[in-house]
């Protein structure tokens, strides 16, 4: 029983991680083998896929935009919240074009900020999009050669690139928490890989390192544990015959209402996807010619790329 739960839990963790990460504007998660936690979404290059322009961004079903842009006077608040808002919209990559994503962000900016704030936010938005695109040129550390030192060099490369697009004051305001978490990640990996340490010394150093973090960064460190806990509880509840409402209550208790709604939306999307796959597979088995037309009717160009796994 335990092994089955663990296998299903592993498959479910990515869905839960997405739902929670979307709450902080996350687009991509880089998980290292030593459990250093999720990388910041601002480290992930933007790869804007094609779209027919008519697809709704299913990513946003049941959600509200992340990140507070303004104070009561509609002045721009220069903080990581602005990046969270950008990343919230960037999670629609592959479902919307780059122009559509930028248009959605611009709409938020013009709606929520005064004229001065709009001008500054639009400048930062364009700088951020250029930075995200340029990140594709930064080499990723090879997983077979990963070390605390290699990770630190990688993060320095990102900071050097970022400095080309933002002023030092902007970097501190927008990315200070990211840099703190990155430093922690590299130092933690160095401690984990230090074979000269006893288990007790290693645990002591890791705890000391964790205690140096701000409250927000500590929450990010502990988030993967929440992912696993929720996935396990969900699977156990389903095996005991829990209703959808009871599953939602478990989610709400562990990760909050917003993330629970995102997970519920993912459930609906996954069920709809499986139903379309079943319809397509049945057509392929009985009438391959009609199945080809059905393929174009049921699936977007992006979704058709995923069909190879089912054919």
C-alpha atoms as a PDB file:
ATOM      1  CA  UNK A   1       0.000   0.000   0.000  1.00  0.00           C
ATOM      2  CA  UNK A   2       2.768   2.444   0.931  1.00  0.00           C
ATOM      3  CA  UNK A   3       4.662   1.920  -2.328  1.00  0.00           C
ATOM      4  CA  UNK A   4       1.520   2.606  -4.379  1.00  0.00           C
ATOM      5  CA  UNK A   5       0.884   5.798  -2.463  1.00  0.00           C
ATOM      6  CA  UNK A   6       4.455   6.981  -3.011  1.00  0.00           C
ATOM      7  CA  UNK A   7       4.324   6.293  -6.740  1.00  0.00           C
ATOM      8  CA  UNK A   8       1.064   8.159  -7.192  1.00  0.00           C
ATOM      9  CA  UNK A   9       2.234  10.904  -4.868  1.00  0.00           C
ATOM     10  CA  UNK A  10       5.306  11.508  -7.003  1.00  0.00           C
ATOM     11  CA  UNK A  11       3.155  11.884 -10.102  1.00  0.00           C
ATOM     12  CA  UNK A  12       0.843  14.275  -8.264  1.00  0.00           C
ATOM     13  CA  UNK A  13       3.569  16.482  -6.778  1.00  0.00           C
ATOM     14  CA  UNK A  14       4.158  18.399 -10.007  1.00  0.00           C
ATOM     15  CA  UNK A  15       0.478  19.405 -10.169  1.00  0.00           C
ATOM     16  CA  UNK A  16       0.528  20.611  -6.581  1.00  0.00           C
ATOM     17  CA  UNK A  17       3.836  22.403  -7.092  1.00  0.00           C
ATOM     18  CA  UNK A  18       2.366  24.194 -10.098  1.00  0.00           C
ATOM     19  CA  UNK A  19      -0.727  25.297  -8.199  1.00  0.00           C
ATOM     20  CA  UNK A  20       1.340  26.663  -5.329  1.00  0.00           C
ATOM     21  CA  UNK A  21       3.965  28.197  -7.584  1.00  0.00           C
ATOM     22  CA  UNK A  22       1.284  29.973  -9.581  1.00  0.00           C
ATOM     23  CA  UNK A  23       0.381  31.731  -6.361  1.00  0.00           C
ATOM     24  CA  UNK A  24       3.804  33.401  -6.413  1.00  0.00           C
ATOM     25  CA  UNK A  25       3.902  33.819 -10.151  1.00  0.00           C
ATOM     26  CA  UNK A  26       6.042  30.866 -10.829  1.00  0.00           C
ATOM     27  CA  UNK A  27       6.452  29.672 -14.431  1.00  0.00           C
ATOM     28  CA  UNK A  28       9.161  26.947 -14.036  1.00  0.00           C
ATOM     29  CA  UNK A  29      10.674  24.969 -11.165  1.00  0.00           C
ATOM     30  CA  UNK A  30      14.227  23.628 -11.076  1.00  0.00           C
ATOM     31  CA  UNK A  31      14.601  20.903  -8.445  1.00  0.00           C
ATOM     32  CA  UNK A  32      18.053  19.650  -7.600  1.00  0.00           C
ATOM     33  CA  UNK A  33      18.736  16.129  -6.409  1.00  0.00           C
ATOM     34  CA  UNK A  34      19.694  17.237  -2.923  1.00  0.00           C
ATOM     35  CA  UNK A  35      16.377  18.876  -2.192  1.00  0.00           C
ATOM     36  CA  UNK A  36      17.400  22.510  -2.362  1.00  0.00           C
ATOM     37  CA  UNK A  37      13.877  23.494  -3.295  1.00  0.00           C
ATOM     38  CA  UNK A  38      12.304  25.425  -6.168  1.00  0.00           C
ATOM     39  CA  UNK A  39      14.313  27.915  -8.162  1.00  0.00           C
ATOM     40  CA  UNK A  40      12.847  31.363  -8.652  1.00  0.00           C
ATOM     41  CA  UNK A  41      10.731  31.728 -11.812  1.00  0.00           C
ATOM     42  CA  UNK A  42      12.707  34.823 -12.804  1.00  0.00           C
ATOM     43  CA  UNK A  43      15.619  32.437 -13.531  1.00  0.00           C
ATOM     44  CA  UNK A  44      13.662  30.620 -16.223  1.00  0.00           C
ATOM     45  CA  UNK A  45      13.989  31.930 -19.788  1.00  0.00           C
ATOM     46  CA  UNK A  46      10.794  32.833 -21.594  1.00  0.00           C
ATOM     47  CA  UNK A  47      10.073  30.487 -24.479  1.00  0.00           C
ATOM     48  CA  UNK A  48       6.946  31.822 -26.098  1.00  0.00           C
ATOM     49  CA  UNK A  49       5.124  29.153 -28.085  1.00  0.00           C
ATOM     50  CA  UNK A  50       2.835  29.655 -31.030  1.00  0.00           C
ATOM     51  CA  UNK A  51      -0.885  30.090 -30.538  1.00  0.00           C
ATOM     52  CA  UNK A  52      -3.886  30.548 -32.732  1.00  0.00           C
ATOM     53  CA  UNK A  53      -4.856  33.538 -30.607  1.00  0.00           C
ATOM     54  CA  UNK A  54      -8.275  32.106 -29.807  1.00  0.00           C
ATOM     55  CA  UNK A  55      -7.309  29.748 -26.997  1.00  0.00           C
ATOM     56  CA  UNK A  56      -8.285  30.740 -23.500  1.00  0.00           C
ATOM     57  CA  UNK A  57      -5.460  30.529 -21.001  1.00  0.00           C
ATOM     58  CA  UNK A  58      -6.666  27.530 -19.007  1.00  0.00           C
ATOM     59  CA  UNK A  59      -3.829  28.263 -16.595  1.00  0.00           C
ATOM     60  CA  UNK A  60      -5.840  31.139 -15.117  1.00  0.00           C
ATOM     61  CA  UNK A  61      -9.066  29.231 -14.484  1.00  0.00           C
ATOM     62  CA  UNK A  62     -10.251  29.858 -10.926  1.00  0.00           C
ATOM     63  CA  UNK A  63      -7.406  32.249 -10.095  1.00  0.00           C
ATOM     64  CA  UNK A  64      -6.879  35.924  -9.385  1.00  0.00           C
ATOM     65  CA  UNK A  65      -3.718  37.823 -10.402  1.00  0.00           C
ATOM     66  CA  UNK A  66      -0.749  37.548  -8.063  1.00  0.00           C
ATOM     67  CA  UNK A  67       1.253  40.527  -6.911  1.00  0.00           C
ATOM     68  CA  UNK A  68       0.199  43.932  -5.594  1.00  0.00           C
ATOM     69  CA  UNK A  69       1.273  46.721  -7.949  1.00  0.00           C
ATOM     70  CA  UNK A  70       0.179  49.913  -6.219  1.00  0.00           C
ATOM     71  CA  UNK A  71      -0.533  51.658  -2.953  1.00  0.00           C
ATOM     72  CA  UNK A  72      -3.822  53.420  -2.269  1.00  0.00           C
ATOM     73  CA  UNK A  73      -2.654  56.396  -4.324  1.00  0.00           C
ATOM     74  CA  UNK A  74      -2.012  54.142  -7.335  1.00  0.00           C
ATOM     75  CA  UNK A  75       1.730  54.742  -7.049  1.00  0.00           C
ATOM     76  CA  UNK A  76       3.891  51.859  -8.200  1.00  0.00           C
ATOM     77  CA  UNK A  77       5.356  49.742  -5.404  1.00  0.00           C
ATOM     78  CA  UNK A  78       8.778  48.633  -6.575  1.00  0.00           C
ATOM     79  CA  UNK A  79       9.035  45.194  -4.982  1.00  0.00           C
ATOM     80  CA  UNK A  80       9.071  41.475  -5.838  1.00  0.00           C
ATOM     81  CA  UNK A  81       5.274  41.795  -6.089  1.00  0.00           C
ATOM     82  CA  UNK A  82       5.726  43.398  -9.511  1.00  0.00           C
ATOM     83  CA  UNK A  83       7.721  40.402 -10.745  1.00  0.00           C
ATOM     84  CA  UNK A  84       5.059  38.099  -9.285  1.00  0.00           C
ATOM     85  CA  UNK A  85       2.460  39.833 -11.453  1.00  0.00           C
ATOM     86  CA  UNK A  86       4.636  39.501 -14.559  1.00  0.00           C
ATOM     87  CA  UNK A  87       5.229  35.807 -13.840  1.00  0.00           C
ATOM     88  CA  UNK A  88       1.540  35.208 -13.178  1.00  0.00           C
ATOM     89  CA  UNK A  89       0.795  36.169 -16.775  1.00  0.00           C
ATOM     90  CA  UNK A  90       3.878  34.400 -18.113  1.00  0.00           C
ATOM     91  CA  UNK A  91       2.470  31.087 -16.886  1.00  0.00           C
ATOM     92  CA  UNK A  92       0.261  31.283 -19.986  1.00  0.00           C
ATOM     93  CA  UNK A  93       3.277  30.619 -22.212  1.00  0.00           C
ATOM     94  CA  UNK A  94       2.213  28.130 -24.875  1.00  0.00           C
ATOM     95  CA  UNK A  95      -1.433  29.078 -24.508  1.00  0.00           C
ATOM     96  CA  UNK A  96      -1.014  32.729 -25.495  1.00  0.00           C
ATOM     97  CA  UNK A  97       1.438  34.520 -27.755  1.00  0.00           C
ATOM     98  CA  UNK A  98       4.081  36.879 -26.442  1.00  0.00           C
ATOM     99  CA  UNK A  99       2.037  39.836 -27.685  1.00  0.00           C
ATOM    100  CA  UNK A 100      -1.083  38.572 -25.898  1.00  0.00           C
ATOM    101  CA  UNK A 101       0.806  38.052 -22.659  1.00  0.00           C
ATOM    102  CA  UNK A 102       2.334  41.515 -22.789  1.00  0.00           C
ATOM    103  CA  UNK A 103      -1.063  43.016 -23.619  1.00  0.00           C
ATOM    104  CA  UNK A 104      -2.583  41.385 -20.518  1.00  0.00           C
ATOM    105  CA  UNK A 105       0.191  42.751 -18.295  1.00  0.00           C
ATOM    106  CA  UNK A 106      -0.110  46.218 -19.825  1.00  0.00           C
ATOM    107  CA  UNK A 107      -3.842  46.147 -19.120  1.00  0.00           C
ATOM    108  CA  UNK A 108      -3.140  45.478 -15.444  1.00  0.00           C
ATOM    109  CA  UNK A 109      -0.589  48.267 -15.343  1.00  0.00           C
ATOM    110  CA  UNK A 110      -2.822  50.881 -16.955  1.00  0.00           C
ATOM    111  CA  UNK A 111      -5.779  49.868 -14.785  1.00  0.00           C
ATOM    112  CA  UNK A 112      -4.035  49.801 -11.431  1.00  0.00           C
ATOM    113  CA  UNK A 113      -1.359  52.519 -11.625  1.00  0.00           C
ATOM    114  CA  UNK A 114      -1.276  56.281 -12.049  1.00  0.00           C
ATOM    115  CA  UNK A 115       0.445  57.826 -15.061  1.00  0.00           C
ATOM    116  CA  UNK A 116       3.869  58.030 -13.426  1.00  0.00           C
ATOM    117  CA  UNK A 117       3.631  54.470 -12.159  1.00  0.00           C
ATOM    118  CA  UNK A 118       2.500  53.218 -15.555  1.00  0.00           C
ATOM    119  CA  UNK A 119       5.533  54.687 -17.267  1.00  0.00           C
ATOM    120  CA  UNK A 120       7.954  53.128 -14.812  1.00  0.00           C
ATOM    121  CA  UNK A 121       6.196  49.756 -14.752  1.00  0.00           C
ATOM    122  CA  UNK A 122       6.126  49.524 -18.546  1.00  0.00           C
ATOM    123  CA  UNK A 123       9.848  50.274 -18.698  1.00  0.00           C
ATOM    124  CA  UNK A 124      10.542  47.547 -16.137  1.00  0.00           C
ATOM    125  CA  UNK A 125       8.229  45.132 -17.955  1.00  0.00           C
ATOM    126  CA  UNK A 126      10.095  45.523 -21.237  1.00  0.00           C
ATOM    127  CA  UNK A 127      13.440  45.173 -19.458  1.00  0.00           C
ATOM    128  CA  UNK A 128      12.205  42.035 -17.706  1.00  0.00           C
ATOM    129  CA  UNK A 129      10.964  40.410 -20.900  1.00  0.00           C
ATOM    130  CA  UNK A 130      14.311  41.104 -22.590  1.00  0.00           C
ATOM    131  CA  UNK A 131      16.124  39.687 -19.559  1.00  0.00           C
ATOM    132  CA  UNK A 132      13.981  36.536 -19.579  1.00  0.00           C
ATOM    133  CA  UNK A 133      14.666  36.008 -23.271  1.00  0.00           C
ATOM    134  CA  UNK A 134      18.402  36.532 -22.777  1.00  0.00           C
ATOM    135  CA  UNK A 135      18.445  33.925 -20.002  1.00  0.00           C
ATOM    136  CA  UNK A 136      18.360  31.304 -22.731  1.00  0.00           C
ATOM    137  CA  UNK A 137      22.033  32.071 -23.364  1.00  0.00           C
ATOM    138  CA  UNK A 138      23.051  31.246 -19.782  1.00  0.00           C
ATOM    139  CA  UNK A 139      24.370  27.701 -19.512  1.00  0.00           C
ATOM    140  CA  UNK A 140      22.581  25.484 -17.020  1.00  0.00           C
ATOM    141  CA  UNK A 141      24.753  23.504 -14.584  1.00  0.00           C
ATOM    142  CA  UNK A 142      25.096  19.874 -15.636  1.00  0.00           C
ATOM    143  CA  UNK A 143      23.262  17.675 -13.169  1.00  0.00           C
ATOM    144  CA  UNK A 144      26.167  15.206 -13.203  1.00  0.00           C
ATOM    145  CA  UNK A 145      28.578  17.941 -12.174  1.00  0.00           C
ATOM    146  CA  UNK A 146      26.367  19.946  -9.840  1.00  0.00           C
ATOM    147  CA  UNK A 147      27.990  21.355  -6.731  1.00  0.00           C
ATOM    148  CA  UNK A 148      27.568  24.294  -4.413  1.00  0.00           C
ATOM    149  CA  UNK A 149      30.376  26.129  -6.211  1.00  0.00           C
ATOM    150  CA  UNK A 150      28.910  25.389  -9.660  1.00  0.00           C
ATOM    151  CA  UNK A 151      25.514  26.576  -8.529  1.00  0.00           C
ATOM    152  CA  UNK A 152      26.989  29.765  -7.092  1.00  0.00           C
ATOM    153  CA  UNK A 153      28.733  30.456 -10.422  1.00  0.00           C
ATOM    154  CA  UNK A 154      25.457  29.873 -12.247  1.00  0.00           C
ATOM    155  CA  UNK A 155      23.631  32.342 -10.024  1.00  0.00           C
ATOM    156  CA  UNK A 156      26.415  34.901 -10.516  1.00  0.00           C
ATOM    157  CA  UNK A 157      25.971  34.541 -14.288  1.00  0.00           C
ATOM    158  CA  UNK A 158      22.283  35.310 -13.891  1.00  0.00           C
ATOM    159  CA  UNK A 159      23.044  38.355 -11.727  1.00  0.00           C
ATOM    160  CA  UNK A 160      25.623  39.624 -14.211  1.00  0.00           C
ATOM    161  CA  UNK A 161      23.077  39.325 -17.005  1.00  0.00           C
ATOM    162  CA  UNK A 162      20.388  40.975 -14.915  1.00  0.00           C
ATOM    163  CA  UNK A 163      22.660  43.937 -14.278  1.00  0.00           C
ATOM    164  CA  UNK A 164      22.555  44.713 -18.004  1.00  0.00           C
ATOM    165  CA  UNK A 165      18.832  45.402 -17.811  1.00  0.00           C
ATOM    166  CA  UNK A 166      18.224  46.874 -14.342  1.00  0.00           C
ATOM    167  CA  UNK A 167      19.730  49.554 -12.127  1.00  0.00           C
ATOM    168  CA  UNK A 168      21.279  48.400  -8.798  1.00  0.00           C
ATOM    169  CA  UNK A 169      18.397  49.977  -6.855  1.00  0.00           C
ATOM    170  CA  UNK A 170      15.897  48.092  -9.011  1.00  0.00           C
ATOM    171  CA  UNK A 171      17.760  44.809  -8.540  1.00  0.00           C
ATOM    172  CA  UNK A 172      17.675  45.250  -4.766  1.00  0.00           C
ATOM    173  CA  UNK A 173      13.964  46.094  -4.748  1.00  0.00           C
ATOM    174  CA  UNK A 174      12.796  43.498  -7.276  1.00  0.00           C
ATOM    175  CA  UNK A 175      15.171  40.581  -6.739  1.00  0.00           C
ATOM    176  CA  UNK A 176      16.674  40.899  -3.270  1.00  0.00           C
ATOM    177  CA  UNK A 177      14.663  37.972  -1.937  1.00  0.00           C
ATOM    178  CA  UNK A 178      15.636  35.869  -4.961  1.00  0.00           C
ATOM    179  CA  UNK A 179      19.325  36.485  -4.387  1.00  0.00           C
ATOM    180  CA  UNK A 180      18.984  35.549  -0.724  1.00  0.00           C
ATOM    181  CA  UNK A 181      17.321  32.275  -1.647  1.00  0.00           C
ATOM    182  CA  UNK A 182      19.909  31.553  -4.337  1.00  0.00           C
ATOM    183  CA  UNK A 183      22.761  32.075  -1.887  1.00  0.00           C
ATOM    184  CA  UNK A 184      21.064  29.736   0.550  1.00  0.00           C
ATOM    185  CA  UNK A 185      20.591  27.098  -2.156  1.00  0.00           C
ATOM    186  CA  UNK A 186      24.255  27.101  -3.172  1.00  0.00           C
ATOM    187  CA  UNK A 187      25.504  27.092   0.425  1.00  0.00           C
ATOM    188  CA  UNK A 188      23.129  24.295   1.390  1.00  0.00           C
ATOM    189  CA  UNK A 189      24.324  22.114  -1.447  1.00  0.00           C
ATOM    190  CA  UNK A 190      27.930  22.733  -0.449  1.00  0.00           C
ATOM    191  CA  UNK A 191      27.145  21.591   3.098  1.00  0.00           C
ATOM    192  CA  UNK A 192      25.235  18.523   1.894  1.00  0.00           C
ATOM    193  CA  UNK A 193      28.133  17.492  -0.341  1.00  0.00           C
ATOM    194  CA  UNK A 194      30.829  18.089   2.275  1.00  0.00           C
ATOM    195  CA  UNK A 195      31.908  14.527   3.088  1.00  0.00           C
ATOM    196  CA  UNK A 196      34.166  15.652   5.920  1.00  0.00           C
ATOM    197  CA  UNK A 197      31.164  16.585   8.077  1.00  0.00           C
ATOM    198  CA  UNK A 198      29.532  14.188  10.485  1.00  0.00           C
ATOM    199  CA  UNK A 199      25.759  13.824  10.264  1.00  0.00           C
ATOM    200  CA  UNK A 200      25.343  15.879  13.415  1.00  0.00           C
ATOM    201  CA  UNK A 201      27.639  18.663  12.172  1.00  0.00           C
ATOM    202  CA  UNK A 202      25.891  18.711   8.807  1.00  0.00           C
ATOM    203  CA  UNK A 203      22.465  19.042  10.406  1.00  0.00           C
ATOM    204  CA  UNK A 204      23.739  21.771  12.704  1.00  0.00           C
ATOM    205  CA  UNK A 205      25.195  23.762   9.819  1.00  0.00           C
ATOM    206  CA  UNK A 206      22.047  23.344   7.747  1.00  0.00           C
ATOM    207  CA  UNK A 207      19.877  24.532  10.618  1.00  0.00           C
ATOM    208  CA  UNK A 208      22.177  27.514  11.234  1.00  0.00           C
ATOM    209  CA  UNK A 209      22.021  28.395   7.529  1.00  0.00           C
ATOM    210  CA  UNK A 210      18.233  28.145   7.506  1.00  0.00           C
ATOM    211  CA  UNK A 211      17.999  30.408  10.556  1.00  0.00           C
ATOM    212  CA  UNK A 212      19.826  33.173   8.672  1.00  0.00           C
ATOM    213  CA  UNK A 213      17.001  33.431   6.143  1.00  0.00           C
ATOM    214  CA  UNK A 214      14.211  35.953   6.190  1.00  0.00           C
ATOM    215  CA  UNK A 215      10.729  34.665   7.012  1.00  0.00           C
ATOM    216  CA  UNK A 216       9.712  34.731   3.329  1.00  0.00           C
ATOM    217  CA  UNK A 217      12.716  32.710   2.218  1.00  0.00           C
ATOM    218  CA  UNK A 218      12.202  30.198   5.023  1.00  0.00           C
ATOM    219  CA  UNK A 219       8.659  29.689   3.742  1.00  0.00           C
ATOM    220  CA  UNK A 220      10.038  28.968   0.265  1.00  0.00           C
ATOM    221  CA  UNK A 221      12.442  26.422   1.720  1.00  0.00           C
ATOM    222  CA  UNK A 222       9.639  24.613   3.525  1.00  0.00           C
ATOM    223  CA  UNK A 223       7.227  24.677   0.554  1.00  0.00           C
ATOM    224  CA  UNK A 224       8.375  21.376  -1.046  1.00  0.00           C
ATOM    225  CA  UNK A 225       7.490  19.611   2.204  1.00  0.00           C
ATOM    226  CA  UNK A 226       3.972  21.004   1.879  1.00  0.00           C
ATOM    227  CA  UNK A 227       3.792  19.656  -1.692  1.00  0.00           C
ATOM    228  CA  UNK A 228       4.617  16.131  -0.571  1.00  0.00           C
ATOM    229  CA  UNK A 229       2.345  16.279   2.469  1.00  0.00           C
ATOM    230  CA  UNK A 230      -0.624  17.393   0.391  1.00  0.00           C
ATOM    231  CA  UNK A 231      -0.016  14.821  -2.343  1.00  0.00           C
ATOM    232  CA  UNK A 232       0.165  12.043   0.238  1.00  0.00           C
ATOM    233  CA  UNK A 233      -2.965  13.174   2.076  1.00  0.00           C
ATOM    234  CA  UNK A 234      -4.889  13.490  -1.184  1.00  0.00           C
ATOM    235  CA  UNK A 235      -3.992   9.967  -2.258  1.00  0.00           C
ATOM    236  CA  UNK A 236      -4.849   8.491   1.119  1.00  0.00           C
ATOM    237  CA  UNK A 237      -8.178  10.323   1.172  1.00  0.00           C
ATOM    238  CA  UNK A 238      -9.070   9.104  -2.321  1.00  0.00           C
ATOM    239  CA  UNK A 239      -8.286   5.525  -1.368  1.00  0.00           C
ATOM    240  CA  UNK A 240     -10.678   5.928   1.567  1.00  0.00           C
ATOM    241  CA  UNK A 241     -13.442   7.147  -0.743  1.00  0.00           C
ATOM    242  CA  UNK A 242     -13.245  10.889  -0.105  1.00  0.00           C
ATOM    243  CA  UNK A 243     -15.627  13.078  -2.075  1.00  0.00           C
ATOM    244  CA  UNK A 244     -14.355  15.942  -4.282  1.00  0.00           C
ATOM    245  CA  UNK A 245     -15.560  18.399  -1.636  1.00  0.00           C
ATOM    246  CA  UNK A 246     -13.542  16.601   1.030  1.00  0.00           C
ATOM    247  CA  UNK A 247     -10.450  16.659  -1.195  1.00  0.00           C
ATOM    248  CA  UNK A 248     -10.906  20.398  -1.660  1.00  0.00           C
ATOM    249  CA  UNK A 249     -11.159  20.881   2.087  1.00  0.00           C
ATOM    250  CA  UNK A 250      -7.863  19.029   2.587  1.00  0.00           C
ATOM    251  CA  UNK A 251      -6.246  21.263  -0.017  1.00  0.00           C
ATOM    252  CA  UNK A 252      -7.673  24.437   1.495  1.00  0.00           C
ATOM    253  CA  UNK A 253      -6.464  23.492   4.966  1.00  0.00           C
ATOM    254  CA  UNK A 254      -2.914  22.829   3.751  1.00  0.00           C
ATOM    255  CA  UNK A 255      -2.266  25.377   1.006  1.00  0.00           C
ATOM    256  CA  UNK A 256      -5.075  27.947   1.174  1.00  0.00           C
ATOM    257  CA  UNK A 257      -8.163  28.688  -0.887  1.00  0.00           C
ATOM    258  CA  UNK A 258      -6.443  30.172  -3.960  1.00  0.00           C
ATOM    259  CA  UNK A 259      -4.090  27.223  -4.511  1.00  0.00           C
ATOM    260  CA  UNK A 260      -6.955  24.810  -3.811  1.00  0.00           C
ATOM    261  CA  UNK A 261      -9.012  26.482  -6.553  1.00  0.00           C
ATOM    262  CA  UNK A 262      -6.104  26.163  -8.968  1.00  0.00           C
ATOM    263  CA  UNK A 263      -5.838  22.465  -8.194  1.00  0.00           C
ATOM    264  CA  UNK A 264      -9.579  22.037  -8.697  1.00  0.00           C
ATOM    265  CA  UNK A 265      -9.265  23.746 -12.076  1.00  0.00           C
ATOM    266  CA  UNK A 266      -6.421  21.372 -12.946  1.00  0.00           C
ATOM    267  CA  UNK A 267      -8.636  18.430 -12.015  1.00  0.00           C
ATOM    268  CA  UNK A 268     -11.282  19.623 -14.455  1.00  0.00           C
ATOM    269  CA  UNK A 269      -8.731  20.230 -17.183  1.00  0.00           C
ATOM    270  CA  UNK A 270      -7.124  16.824 -16.668  1.00  0.00           C
ATOM    271  CA  UNK A 271     -10.506  15.076 -16.791  1.00  0.00           C
ATOM    272  CA  UNK A 272     -11.416  16.896 -20.009  1.00  0.00           C
ATOM    273  CA  UNK A 273      -8.036  16.032 -21.519  1.00  0.00           C
ATOM    274  CA  UNK A 274      -8.442  12.343 -20.689  1.00  0.00           C
ATOM    275  CA  UNK A 275     -11.942  12.333 -22.197  1.00  0.00           C
ATOM    276  CA  UNK A 276     -10.635  13.801 -25.463  1.00  0.00           C
ATOM    277  CA  UNK A 277      -7.747  11.316 -25.509  1.00  0.00           C
ATOM    278  CA  UNK A 278     -10.189   8.432 -25.054  1.00  0.00           C
ATOM    279  CA  UNK A 279     -12.408   9.714 -27.858  1.00  0.00           C
ATOM    280  CA  UNK A 280      -9.408  10.061 -30.168  1.00  0.00           C
ATOM    281  CA  UNK A 281      -7.987   6.631 -29.323  1.00  0.00           C
ATOM    282  CA  UNK A 282     -11.337   4.966 -29.936  1.00  0.00           C
ATOM    283  CA  UNK A 283     -11.565   6.682 -33.316  1.00  0.00           C
ATOM    284  CA  UNK A 284      -8.057   5.559 -34.255  1.00  0.00           C
ATOM    285  CA  UNK A 285      -8.960   1.965 -33.431  1.00  0.00           C
ATOM    286  CA  UNK A 286     -12.084   1.960 -35.605  1.00  0.00           C
ATOM    287  CA  UNK A 287     -11.459   4.528 -38.344  1.00  0.00           C
ATOM    288  CA  UNK A 288      -7.920   5.918 -38.738  1.00  0.00           C
ATOM    289  CA  UNK A 289      -8.982   8.307 -41.510  1.00  0.00           C
ATOM    290  CA  UNK A 290     -11.686   9.975 -39.449  1.00  0.00           C
ATOM    291  CA  UNK A 291      -9.352  10.012 -36.466  1.00  0.00           C
ATOM    292  CA  UNK A 292      -6.985  12.352 -38.308  1.00  0.00           C
ATOM    293  CA  UNK A 293      -9.749  14.896 -38.788  1.00  0.00           C
ATOM    294  CA  UNK A 294     -10.879  14.405 -35.211  1.00  0.00           C
ATOM    295  CA  UNK A 295      -7.324  15.084 -34.086  1.00  0.00           C
ATOM    296  CA  UNK A 296      -7.461  18.559 -35.625  1.00  0.00           C
ATOM    297  CA  UNK A 297     -10.931  19.202 -34.264  1.00  0.00           C
ATOM    298  CA  UNK A 298     -10.221  18.158 -30.681  1.00  0.00           C
ATOM    299  CA  UNK A 299      -6.680  19.409 -30.110  1.00  0.00           C
ATOM    300  CA  UNK A 300      -4.775  22.641 -30.560  1.00  0.00           C
ATOM    301  CA  UNK A 301      -1.387  22.528 -32.354  1.00  0.00           C
ATOM    302  CA  UNK A 302       0.369  22.569 -28.963  1.00  0.00           C
ATOM    303  CA  UNK A 303      -1.784  19.722 -27.650  1.00  0.00           C
ATOM    304  CA  UNK A 304      -1.137  17.657 -30.762  1.00  0.00           C
ATOM    305  CA  UNK A 305       2.546  17.613 -29.859  1.00  0.00           C
ATOM    306  CA  UNK A 306       1.607  15.804 -26.655  1.00  0.00           C
ATOM    307  CA  UNK A 307      -0.424  13.185 -28.496  1.00  0.00           C
ATOM    308  CA  UNK A 308       2.678  11.254 -29.525  1.00  0.00           C
ATOM    309  CA  UNK A 309       2.736   9.685 -26.073  1.00  0.00           C
ATOM    310  CA  UNK A 310      -0.731   8.218 -26.693  1.00  0.00           C
ATOM    311  CA  UNK A 311      -0.284   7.015 -30.284  1.00  0.00           C
END
